[in-house]
C-alpha atoms as a PDB file:
ATOM      1  CA  MET A   1      -8.383  31.766  -2.112  1.00  0.00           C
ATOM      2  CA  PRO A   2      -8.062  31.344   1.790  1.00  0.00           C
ATOM      3  CA  PHE A   3      -6.308  28.431   3.660  1.00  0.00           C
ATOM      4  CA  LEU A   4      -7.878  28.085   7.120  1.00  0.00           C
ATOM      5  CA  HIS A   5      -7.088  25.877   9.819  1.00  0.00           C
ATOM      6  CA  TRP A   6     -10.013  23.896  11.525  1.00  0.00           C
ATOM      7  CA  GLY A   7      -9.885  24.693  15.268  1.00  0.00           C
ATOM      8  CA  GLN A   8      -7.359  27.405  14.358  1.00  0.00           C
ATOM      9  CA  ASP A   9      -8.890  29.936  12.374  1.00  0.00           C
ATOM     10  CA  ALA A  10     -12.595  31.354  12.652  1.00  0.00           C
ATOM     11  CA  VAL A  11     -14.378  29.414   9.569  1.00  0.00           C
ATOM     12  CA  ASP A  12     -18.146  29.786   8.355  1.00  0.00           C
ATOM     13  CA  PRO A  13     -19.078  26.501   7.759  1.00  0.00           C
ATOM     14  CA  GLU A  14     -20.870  27.471   4.653  1.00  0.00           C
ATOM     15  CA  ALA A  15     -18.172  29.183   2.963  1.00  0.00           C
ATOM     16  CA  VAL A  16     -16.151  26.219   3.057  1.00  0.00           C
ATOM     17  CA  ARG A  17     -15.215  24.215  -0.553  1.00  0.00           C
ATOM     18  CA  TYR A  18     -12.718  22.264  -0.175  1.00  0.00           C
ATOM     19  CA  ILE A  19     -11.375  19.838   3.141  1.00  0.00           C
ATOM     20  CA  ALA A  20      -8.078  18.269   2.879  1.00  0.00           C
ATOM     21  CA  ALA A  21      -7.649  16.107   5.893  1.00  0.00           C
ATOM     22  CA  TRP A  22      -6.002  12.329   6.613  1.00  0.00           C
ATOM     23  CA  ASN A  23      -9.378  11.433   8.456  1.00  0.00           C
ATOM     24  CA  VAL A  24     -12.552  13.017   9.815  1.00  0.00           C
ATOM     25  CA  PRO A  25     -16.162  12.100  11.054  1.00  0.00           C
ATOM     26  CA  PRO A  26     -18.731  11.746   9.238  1.00  0.00           C
ATOM     27  CA  GLU A  27     -20.399  14.666  11.670  1.00  0.00           C
ATOM     28  CA  PHE A  28     -17.561  16.672  11.162  1.00  0.00           C
ATOM     29  CA  ILE A  29     -17.786  16.856   7.134  1.00  0.00           C
ATOM     30  CA  ALA A  30     -21.868  17.204   8.025  1.00  0.00           C
ATOM     31  CA  GLN A  31     -21.131  21.105   9.312  1.00  0.00           C
ATOM     32  CA  PHE A  32     -20.090  21.987   5.592  1.00  0.00           C
ATOM     33  CA  PRO A  33     -23.173  21.862   2.939  1.00  0.00           C
ATOM     34  CA  ASN A  34     -21.365  23.510   0.330  1.00  0.00           C
ATOM     35  CA  LEU A  35     -18.304  21.133   0.571  1.00  0.00           C
ATOM     36  CA  GLU A  36     -17.228  20.730  -3.247  1.00  0.00           C
ATOM     37  CA  ILE A  37     -14.049  18.562  -3.012  1.00  0.00           C
ATOM     38  CA  LEU A  38     -12.390  16.246  -0.181  1.00  0.00           C
ATOM     39  CA  PHE A  39      -8.855  15.550  -0.620  1.00  0.00           C
ATOM     40  CA  SER A  40      -6.579  13.122   1.360  1.00  0.00           C
ATOM     41  CA  VAL A  41      -3.395  13.899   1.990  1.00  0.00           C
ATOM     42  CA  GLY A  42      -2.553  10.059   2.381  1.00  0.00           C
ATOM     43  CA  ALA A  43      -2.459   8.358  -0.843  1.00  0.00           C
ATOM     44  CA  GLY A  44      -5.685   6.202  -0.132  1.00  0.00           C
ATOM     45  CA  ILE A  45      -8.914   7.072   0.789  1.00  0.00           C
ATOM     46  CA  ASP A  46     -10.068   4.125   2.617  1.00  0.00           C
ATOM     47  CA  GLN A  47      -9.656   6.038   6.186  1.00  0.00           C
ATOM     48  CA  LEU A  48     -12.510   9.097   4.970  1.00  0.00           C
ATOM     49  CA  PRO A  49     -16.055   8.433   5.400  1.00  0.00           C
ATOM     50  CA  ILE A  50     -16.695   7.899   1.975  1.00  0.00           C
ATOM     51  CA  GLY A  51     -19.898   6.275   2.324  1.00  0.00           C
ATOM     52  CA  ALA A  52     -21.392   9.753   4.444  1.00  0.00           C
ATOM     53  CA  LEU A  53     -20.341  11.782   1.700  1.00  0.00           C
ATOM     54  CA  PRO A  54     -22.722  13.560  -0.291  1.00  0.00           C
ATOM     55  CA  PRO A  55     -23.247  12.190  -3.988  1.00  0.00           C
ATOM     56  CA  GLN A  56     -21.562  15.304  -5.479  1.00  0.00           C
ATOM     57  CA  VAL A  57     -18.612  15.719  -3.515  1.00  0.00           C
ATOM     58  CA  ARG A  58     -15.234  14.629  -5.723  1.00  0.00           C
ATOM     59  CA  VAL A  59     -12.809  12.790  -3.462  1.00  0.00           C
ATOM     60  CA  VAL A  60      -8.951  13.169  -4.761  1.00  0.00           C
ATOM     61  CA  ARG A  61      -6.125  10.874  -2.782  1.00  0.00           C
ATOM     62  CA  MET A  62      -2.472  12.668  -2.511  1.00  0.00           C
ATOM     63  CA  VAL A  63      -0.342  11.652  -5.396  1.00  0.00           C
ATOM     64  CA  GLU A  64       3.314  13.504  -4.302  1.00  0.00           C
ATOM     65  CA  GLN A  65       6.534  12.018  -5.069  1.00  0.00           C
ATOM     66  CA  GLY A  66       7.788  12.140  -1.750  1.00  0.00           C
ATOM     67  CA  ILE A  67       5.086   8.636  -1.368  1.00  0.00           C
ATOM     68  CA  ILE A  68       6.100   7.451  -4.355  1.00  0.00           C
ATOM     69  CA  THR A  69       9.940   7.688  -3.808  1.00  0.00           C
ATOM     70  CA  GLY A  70       9.450   6.124  -0.380  1.00  0.00           C
ATOM     71  CA  MET A  71       7.232   3.144  -1.374  1.00  0.00           C
ATOM     72  CA  ALA A  72       9.646   2.285  -3.858  1.00  0.00           C
ATOM     73  CA  GLU A  73      12.387   2.193  -1.339  1.00  0.00           C
ATOM     74  CA  TYR A  74      10.849   0.364   0.979  1.00  0.00           C
ATOM     75  CA  VAL A  75       9.624  -2.200  -1.320  1.00  0.00           C
ATOM     76  CA  ALA A  76      13.555  -2.409  -2.623  1.00  0.00           C
ATOM     77  CA  MET A  77      14.417  -2.750   0.907  1.00  0.00           C
ATOM     78  CA  ALA A  78      12.175  -5.441   1.872  1.00  0.00           C
ATOM     79  CA  CYS A  79      12.700  -7.889  -1.142  1.00  0.00           C
ATOM     80  CA  LEU A  80      16.565  -7.329  -0.548  1.00  0.00           C
ATOM     81  CA  ALA A  81      15.769  -8.307   3.019  1.00  0.00           C
ATOM     82  CA  LEU A  82      13.737 -11.477   2.040  1.00  0.00           C
ATOM     83  CA  HIS A  83      15.220 -12.471  -0.879  1.00  0.00           C
ATOM     84  CA  ARG A  84      18.882 -12.821   0.980  1.00  0.00           C
ATOM     85  CA  ASP A  85      17.599 -13.721   3.802  1.00  0.00           C
ATOM     86  CA  LEU A  86      18.996 -11.067   6.357  1.00  0.00           C
ATOM     87  CA  PRO A  87      16.420 -11.777   8.925  1.00  0.00           C
ATOM     88  CA  PHE A  88      17.804 -15.345   9.008  1.00  0.00           C
ATOM     89  CA  PHE A  89      21.390 -14.020   9.392  1.00  0.00           C
ATOM     90  CA  ILE A  90      20.143 -11.661  12.145  1.00  0.00           C
ATOM     91  CA  SER A  91      18.408 -14.331  14.288  1.00  0.00           C
ATOM     92  CA  GLU A  92      21.674 -16.387  13.992  1.00  0.00           C
ATOM     93  CA  GLN A  93      23.866 -13.253  15.080  1.00  0.00           C
ATOM     94  CA  ARG A  94      21.640 -12.706  17.750  1.00  0.00           C
ATOM     95  CA  ALA A  95      21.723 -16.337  19.095  1.00  0.00           C
ATOM     96  CA  GLY A  96      25.562 -16.144  18.997  1.00  0.00           C
ATOM     97  CA  ARG A  97      26.038 -18.444  16.062  1.00  0.00           C
ATOM     98  CA  TRP A  98      28.016 -18.099  12.743  1.00  0.00           C
ATOM     99  CA  THR A  99      25.801 -20.076  10.609  1.00  0.00           C
ATOM    100  CA  TYR A 100      26.083 -20.450   6.872  1.00  0.00           C
ATOM    101  CA  ARG A 101      23.474 -20.775   4.355  1.00  0.00           C
ATOM    102  CA  HIS A 102      23.729 -20.875   0.317  1.00  0.00           C
ATOM    103  CA  THR A 103      22.174 -17.337  -1.216  1.00  0.00           C
ATOM    104  CA  ARG A 104      20.670 -16.905  -4.753  1.00  0.00           C
ATOM    105  CA  LEU A 105      20.948 -14.175  -7.004  1.00  0.00           C
ATOM    106  CA  ALA A 106      18.401 -12.130  -7.620  1.00  0.00           C
ATOM    107  CA  SER A 107      17.719 -13.568 -11.451  1.00  0.00           C
ATOM    108  CA  GLN A 108      16.078 -16.842  -9.565  1.00  0.00           C
ATOM    109  CA  SER A 109      13.776 -14.400  -7.237  1.00  0.00           C
ATOM    110  CA  ARG A 110      10.777 -14.151  -8.904  1.00  0.00           C
ATOM    111  CA  ILE A 111       8.668 -11.028  -7.591  1.00  0.00           C
ATOM    112  CA  GLY A 112       5.209 -10.010  -7.968  1.00  0.00           C
ATOM    113  CA  VAL A 113       3.699  -7.263  -7.503  1.00  0.00           C
ATOM    114  CA  MET A 114      -0.343  -6.495  -6.439  1.00  0.00           C
ATOM    115  CA  GLY A 115      -1.493  -3.133  -7.801  1.00  0.00           C
ATOM    116  CA  LEU A 116      -0.025  -1.410 -11.129  1.00  0.00           C
ATOM    117  CA  GLY A 117      -0.716   2.309  -9.690  1.00  0.00           C
ATOM    118  CA  GLU A 118       1.642   5.070  -9.046  1.00  0.00           C
ATOM    119  CA  LEU A 119       2.846   3.109  -6.421  1.00  0.00           C
ATOM    120  CA  GLY A 120       3.060  -0.676  -7.435  1.00  0.00           C
ATOM    121  CA  ARG A 121       4.925   0.776 -11.231  1.00  0.00           C
ATOM    122  CA  ALA A 122       7.544   2.922  -9.013  1.00  0.00           C
ATOM    123  CA  ALA A 123       8.378  -0.292  -7.265  1.00  0.00           C
ATOM    124  CA  LEU A 124       8.866  -2.188 -10.428  1.00  0.00           C
ATOM    125  CA  ASP A 125      11.155   0.545 -11.622  1.00  0.00           C
ATOM    126  CA  VAL A 126      13.509   0.174  -8.520  1.00  0.00           C
ATOM    127  CA  LEU A 127      13.379  -3.913  -8.778  1.00  0.00           C
ATOM    128  CA  GLY A 128      14.021  -4.154 -12.746  1.00  0.00           C
ATOM    129  CA  PRO A 129      17.570  -2.843 -12.702  1.00  0.00           C
ATOM    130  CA  LEU A 130      18.200  -5.172  -9.618  1.00  0.00           C
ATOM    131  CA  GLY A 131      17.875  -8.126 -11.913  1.00  0.00           C
ATOM    132  CA  PHE A 132      14.639  -9.613 -10.453  1.00  0.00           C
ATOM    133  CA  PRO A 133      12.060 -11.410 -12.714  1.00  0.00           C
ATOM    134  CA  LEU A 134       9.338  -9.379 -12.193  1.00  0.00           C
ATOM    135  CA  SER A 135       5.103  -9.731 -12.662  1.00  0.00           C
ATOM    136  CA  GLY A 136       2.370  -7.654 -12.020  1.00  0.00           C
ATOM    137  CA  TRP A 137      -1.094  -8.013 -10.994  1.00  0.00           C
ATOM    138  CA  SER A 138      -4.362  -5.495 -11.218  1.00  0.00           C
ATOM    139  CA  ARG A 139      -8.059  -5.168 -11.763  1.00  0.00           C
ATOM    140  CA  THR A 140      -7.570  -4.233 -15.609  1.00  0.00           C
ATOM    141  CA  ALA A 141      -5.025  -5.230 -18.071  1.00  0.00           C
ATOM    142  CA  ARG A 142      -1.725  -3.322 -18.082  1.00  0.00           C
ATOM    143  CA  GLU A 143       1.169  -3.162 -20.297  1.00  0.00           C
ATOM    144  CA  ILE A 144       4.476  -2.387 -18.328  1.00  0.00           C
ATOM    145  CA  ALA A 145       8.291  -2.754 -20.410  1.00  0.00           C
ATOM    146  CA  GLY A 146       9.970  -5.720 -18.651  1.00  0.00           C
ATOM    147  CA  VAL A 147       6.831  -6.932 -16.405  1.00  0.00           C
ATOM    148  CA  ALA A 148       4.645  -9.905 -17.319  1.00  0.00           C
ATOM    149  CA  CYS A 149       1.441  -8.220 -16.450  1.00  0.00           C
ATOM    150  CA  PHE A 150      -1.388 -10.227 -15.621  1.00  0.00           C
ATOM    151  CA  ALA A 151      -5.373  -9.108 -14.734  1.00  0.00           C
ATOM    152  CA  GLY A 152      -8.778  -9.593 -13.081  1.00  0.00           C
ATOM    153  CA  LYS A 153      -9.644 -12.788 -10.768  1.00  0.00           C
ATOM    154  CA  ASP A 154      -9.145 -15.169 -13.760  1.00  0.00           C
ATOM    155  CA  GLN A 155      -5.447 -14.906 -14.390  1.00  0.00           C
ATOM    156  CA  LEU A 156      -4.561 -14.359 -10.815  1.00  0.00           C
ATOM    157  CA  ASP A 157      -4.134 -18.074  -9.667  1.00  0.00           C
ATOM    158  CA  ALA A 158      -1.334 -17.803 -12.433  1.00  0.00           C
ATOM    159  CA  PHE A 159       0.190 -15.013 -11.161  1.00  0.00           C
ATOM    160  CA  LEU A 160       0.288 -16.228  -7.991  1.00  0.00           C
ATOM    161  CA  MET A 161       2.223 -19.333  -8.746  1.00  0.00           C
ATOM    162  CA  GLN A 162       5.663 -17.713 -10.156  1.00  0.00           C
ATOM    163  CA  ALA A 163       5.731 -15.497  -7.317  1.00  0.00           C
ATOM    164  CA  ASP A 164       8.657 -16.271  -4.631  1.00  0.00           C
ATOM    165  CA  ILE A 165       8.160 -12.226  -2.979  1.00  0.00           C
ATOM    166  CA  LEU A 166       4.244 -11.076  -3.006  1.00  0.00           C
ATOM    167  CA  VAL A 167       4.078  -7.058  -2.406  1.00  0.00           C
ATOM    168  CA  CYS A 168       0.761  -5.862  -2.443  1.00  0.00           C
ATOM    169  CA  LEU A 169       0.257  -2.661  -2.657  1.00  0.00           C
ATOM    170  CA  LEU A 170      -3.319  -2.635  -3.839  1.00  0.00           C
ATOM    171  CA  PRO A 171      -6.205  -0.206  -2.708  1.00  0.00           C
ATOM    172  CA  LEU A 172      -8.174  -1.393  -0.147  1.00  0.00           C
ATOM    173  CA  THR A 173     -11.496  -2.063  -1.467  1.00  0.00           C
ATOM    174  CA  ASP A 174     -14.485  -4.578  -0.952  1.00  0.00           C
ATOM    175  CA  GLU A 175     -13.011  -6.192  -3.706  1.00  0.00           C
ATOM    176  CA  THR A 176      -9.499  -6.842  -2.212  1.00  0.00           C
ATOM    177  CA  ARG A 177     -10.147  -6.789   1.642  1.00  0.00           C
ATOM    178  CA  GLY A 178      -8.532  -9.563   2.622  1.00  0.00           C
ATOM    179  CA  ILE A 179      -7.220 -10.584  -0.497  1.00  0.00           C
ATOM    180  CA  LEU A 180      -3.944 -12.087   1.507  1.00  0.00           C
ATOM    181  CA  CYS A 181      -5.823 -15.103   2.748  1.00  0.00           C
ATOM    182  CA  ARG A 182      -4.857 -19.110   3.046  1.00  0.00           C
ATOM    183  CA  GLU A 183      -6.307 -19.348  -0.760  1.00  0.00           C
ATOM    184  CA  THR A 184      -3.886 -16.806  -1.868  1.00  0.00           C
ATOM    185  CA  PHE A 185      -0.827 -18.474   0.267  1.00  0.00           C
ATOM    186  CA  ALA A 186      -1.615 -22.012  -1.288  1.00  0.00           C
ATOM    187  CA  LYS A 187      -1.485 -20.681  -4.534  1.00  0.00           C
ATOM    188  CA  MET A 188       1.892 -19.499  -4.223  1.00  0.00           C
ATOM    189  CA  PRO A 189       5.248 -21.467  -4.430  1.00  0.00           C
ATOM    190  CA  VAL A 190       6.024 -23.445  -0.872  1.00  0.00           C
ATOM    191  CA  GLY A 191       9.036 -21.276   1.014  1.00  0.00           C
ATOM    192  CA  SER A 192       7.428 -18.077  -0.961  1.00  0.00           C
ATOM    193  CA  ALA A 193       7.418 -14.785   1.091  1.00  0.00           C
ATOM    194  CA  VAL A 194       4.780 -11.864   1.496  1.00  0.00           C
ATOM    195  CA  ILE A 195       4.914  -7.847   1.723  1.00  0.00           C
ATOM    196  CA  ASN A 196       2.264  -6.144   2.664  1.00  0.00           C
ATOM    197  CA  ALA A 197       3.025  -2.013   2.238  1.00  0.00           C
ATOM    198  CA  ALA A 198      -0.394  -1.549   1.448  1.00  0.00           C
ATOM    199  CA  ARG A 199      -3.213  -1.606   4.343  1.00  0.00           C
ATOM    200  CA  GLY A 200      -3.933  -4.015   6.933  1.00  0.00           C
ATOM    201  CA  GLY A 201      -7.371  -4.869   5.961  1.00  0.00           C
ATOM    202  CA  HIS A 202      -5.695  -6.808   2.993  1.00  0.00           C
ATOM    203  CA  LEU A 203      -4.441  -9.548   5.314  1.00  0.00           C
ATOM    204  CA  VAL A 204      -6.371 -12.397   7.154  1.00  0.00           C
ATOM    205  CA  ALA A 205      -4.165 -12.612  10.252  1.00  0.00           C
ATOM    206  CA  ASP A 206      -4.703 -15.621  11.294  1.00  0.00           C
ATOM    207  CA  ASP A 207      -3.748 -17.298   7.960  1.00  0.00           C
ATOM    208  CA  LEU A 208      -0.814 -15.651   7.250  1.00  0.00           C
ATOM    209  CA  ILE A 209       0.245 -17.221  10.680  1.00  0.00           C
ATOM    210  CA  GLU A 210      -0.897 -20.582   9.573  1.00  0.00           C
ATOM    211  CA  ALA A 211       0.940 -20.327   5.929  1.00  0.00           C
ATOM    212  CA  LEU A 212       4.141 -19.677   7.969  1.00  0.00           C
ATOM    213  CA  ASP A 213       3.445 -22.260  10.659  1.00  0.00           C
ATOM    214  CA  GLN A 214       3.404 -24.757   8.100  1.00  0.00           C
ATOM    215  CA  GLY A 215       5.890 -23.705   6.048  1.00  0.00           C
ATOM    216  CA  GLN A 216       3.616 -22.666   3.338  1.00  0.00           C
ATOM    217  CA  LEU A 217       5.633 -19.186   3.667  1.00  0.00           C
ATOM    218  CA  ARG A 218       8.841 -18.498   5.153  1.00  0.00           C
ATOM    219  CA  ALA A 219       8.406 -14.979   5.547  1.00  0.00           C
ATOM    220  CA  ALA A 220       6.511 -11.633   5.916  1.00  0.00           C
ATOM    221  CA  MET A 221       7.450  -8.202   6.244  1.00  0.00           C
ATOM    222  CA  LEU A 222       4.304  -6.198   7.362  1.00  0.00           C
ATOM    223  CA  ASP A 223       4.626  -2.392   7.204  1.00  0.00           C
ATOM    224  CA  VAL A 224       0.726  -1.857   7.979  1.00  0.00           C
ATOM    225  CA  THR A 225      -2.026  -4.138  10.244  1.00  0.00           C
ATOM    226  CA  SER A 226      -5.249  -4.426  11.388  1.00  0.00           C
ATOM    227  CA  PRO A 227      -5.884  -2.574  14.031  1.00  0.00           C
ATOM    228  CA  GLU A 228      -2.743   0.617  13.824  1.00  0.00           C
ATOM    229  CA  PRO A 229      -1.395   0.086  16.479  1.00  0.00           C
ATOM    230  CA  LEU A 230      -1.117  -3.702  17.445  1.00  0.00           C
ATOM    231  CA  PRO A 231      -2.441  -4.541  20.839  1.00  0.00           C
ATOM    232  CA  GLU A 232       0.360  -5.426  23.476  1.00  0.00           C
ATOM    233  CA  GLY A 233       0.545  -8.736  23.232  1.00  0.00           C
ATOM    234  CA  HIS A 234      -0.506  -9.451  19.494  1.00  0.00           C
ATOM    235  CA  ALA A 235       0.954 -12.658  17.694  1.00  0.00           C
ATOM    236  CA  PHE A 236       2.962 -10.728  14.957  1.00  0.00           C
ATOM    237  CA  TYR A 237       4.632  -9.300  17.747  1.00  0.00           C
ATOM    238  CA  ARG A 238       6.426 -12.427  18.679  1.00  0.00           C
ATOM    239  CA  HIS A 239       6.474 -14.272  15.562  1.00  0.00           C
ATOM    240  CA  PRO A 240      10.199 -15.305  14.259  1.00  0.00           C
ATOM    241  CA  ALA A 241       9.150 -14.920  10.803  1.00  0.00           C
ATOM    242  CA  ILE A 242       7.400 -11.952  10.964  1.00  0.00           C
ATOM    243  CA  PHE A 243       9.065  -8.527  10.568  1.00  0.00           C
ATOM    244  CA  LEU A 244       6.799  -5.414  11.160  1.00  0.00           C
ATOM    245  CA  THR A 245       7.480  -1.464  10.472  1.00  0.00           C
ATOM    246  CA  PRO A 246       4.741   0.733  11.833  1.00  0.00           C
ATOM    247  CA  HIS A 247       3.205   1.911   8.849  1.00  0.00           C
ATOM    248  CA  VAL A 248       6.524   3.886   7.516  1.00  0.00           C
ATOM    249  CA  ALA A 249       6.675   2.732   3.929  1.00  0.00           C
ATOM    250  CA  ALA A 250       5.758   6.075   2.428  1.00  0.00           C
ATOM    251  CA  GLU A 251       5.104   9.260   4.004  1.00  0.00           C
ATOM    252  CA  THR A 252       3.414  12.143   2.852  1.00  0.00           C
ATOM    253  CA  ARG A 253       6.101  14.967   2.209  1.00  0.00           C
ATOM    254  CA  HIS A 254       5.020  18.356   3.267  1.00  0.00           C
ATOM    255  CA  GLU A 255       7.188  20.377   1.186  1.00  0.00           C
ATOM    256  CA  THR A 256       5.755  18.679  -2.071  1.00  0.00           C
ATOM    257  CA  ALA A 257       2.384  17.716  -1.047  1.00  0.00           C
ATOM    258  CA  GLY A 258       1.577  21.345  -0.801  1.00  0.00           C
ATOM    259  CA  GLU A 259       2.942  21.922  -4.031  1.00  0.00           C
ATOM    260  CA  VAL A 260       0.265  18.950  -5.560  1.00  0.00           C
ATOM    261  CA  LEU A 261      -2.422  20.227  -3.317  1.00  0.00           C
ATOM    262  CA  ALA A 262      -1.895  24.121  -5.344  1.00  0.00           C
ATOM    263  CA  ASP A 263      -1.516  22.477  -8.215  1.00  0.00           C
ATOM    264  CA  ASN A 264      -4.882  20.330  -7.933  1.00  0.00           C
ATOM    265  CA  LEU A 265      -6.431  24.007  -6.992  1.00  0.00           C
ATOM    266  CA  GLN A 266      -5.034  25.348  -9.923  1.00  0.00           C
ATOM    267  CA  ARG A 267      -6.352  22.742 -12.307  1.00  0.00           C
ATOM    268  CA  LEU A 268      -9.811  23.055 -10.709  1.00  0.00           C
ATOM    269  CA  LEU A 269      -9.936  27.002 -11.563  1.00  0.00           C
ATOM    270  CA  ALA A 270      -8.842  26.364 -15.365  1.00  0.00           C
ATOM    271  CA  GLY A 271     -11.493  23.366 -15.429  1.00  0.00           C
ATOM    272  CA  ALA A 272      -8.654  20.772 -15.920  1.00  0.00           C
ATOM    273  CA  PRO A 273      -8.866  17.285 -14.731  1.00  0.00           C
ATOM    274  CA  LEU A 274      -7.186  16.940 -10.998  1.00  0.00           C
ATOM    275  CA  VAL A 275      -4.311  14.444 -10.420  1.00  0.00           C
ATOM    276  CA  GLY A 276      -5.725  11.541  -8.164  1.00  0.00           C
ATOM    277  CA  GLU A 277      -9.207  11.999  -8.743  1.00  0.00           C
ATOM    278  CA  VAL A 278     -11.161   8.967  -7.363  1.00  0.00           C
ATOM    279  CA  ASP A 279     -13.669   6.820  -9.005  1.00  0.00           C
ATOM    280  CA  ARG A 280     -16.097   6.855  -6.275  1.00  0.00           C
ATOM    281  CA  THR A 281     -17.734   3.489  -7.560  1.00  0.00           C
ATOM    282  CA  ARG A 282     -14.729   1.819  -7.479  1.00  0.00           C
ATOM    283  CA  GLY A 283     -12.900   2.828  -4.519  1.00  0.00           C
ATOM    284  CA  TYR A 284      -9.717   4.587  -6.031  1.00  0.00           C
END
């Protein structure tokens, strides 16, 4: 099976069966009448023109250890930083002040993770040994040892009410777009914090700023925004309670991603299920 680089190698569009890419415009896809599978090289698929794909084309997202480990590390870092008020102490240092503030143990900060797929479970695995009380919320019911699991819209409020730190790792779908909004923040404990390492489309920017300014939330750490990058002068850059990283929480590692792609092609030839295949009706 030959591997070809579009734009570098001579390619017969009719011979192309599989494409691996981060993002491709709809008109690009239209060139390949015999396309069977579109492989995303990222953990999500919301950046792909799914609606432009013929119904028979399968979509597979990247499930590789580099992404999973990177996300778990980022979430642990963000949770610990917010739990121990690191942004406050950095701010005081920059202002030339030696300011004491009482800190709490991990057992006194409840962390709720939205999204219990590979990334969410990996984050919970890292947070558990640190002593944080853990809960998780997903579209469908899950059972995870040591984690209070909630599912569906009916249980969302109960989940939010006990999240001192809320971590969003949801896939971006029509149902989850804008889920980090005024209504969500209002149901969380006063003075709680938010971490978004999923997609910028999950967050309503004005609602976040309002919740921070009114004291409902005390801090937010964002690895993703909408758009990316943020335009010059955006309010997030200068807000004292918002901390940004430029979409670096989890990166696809070439050395492991190549192995995953090759393994999936072997599975395809053997008639086995593909790792990471997406249900196009659900969007993940």
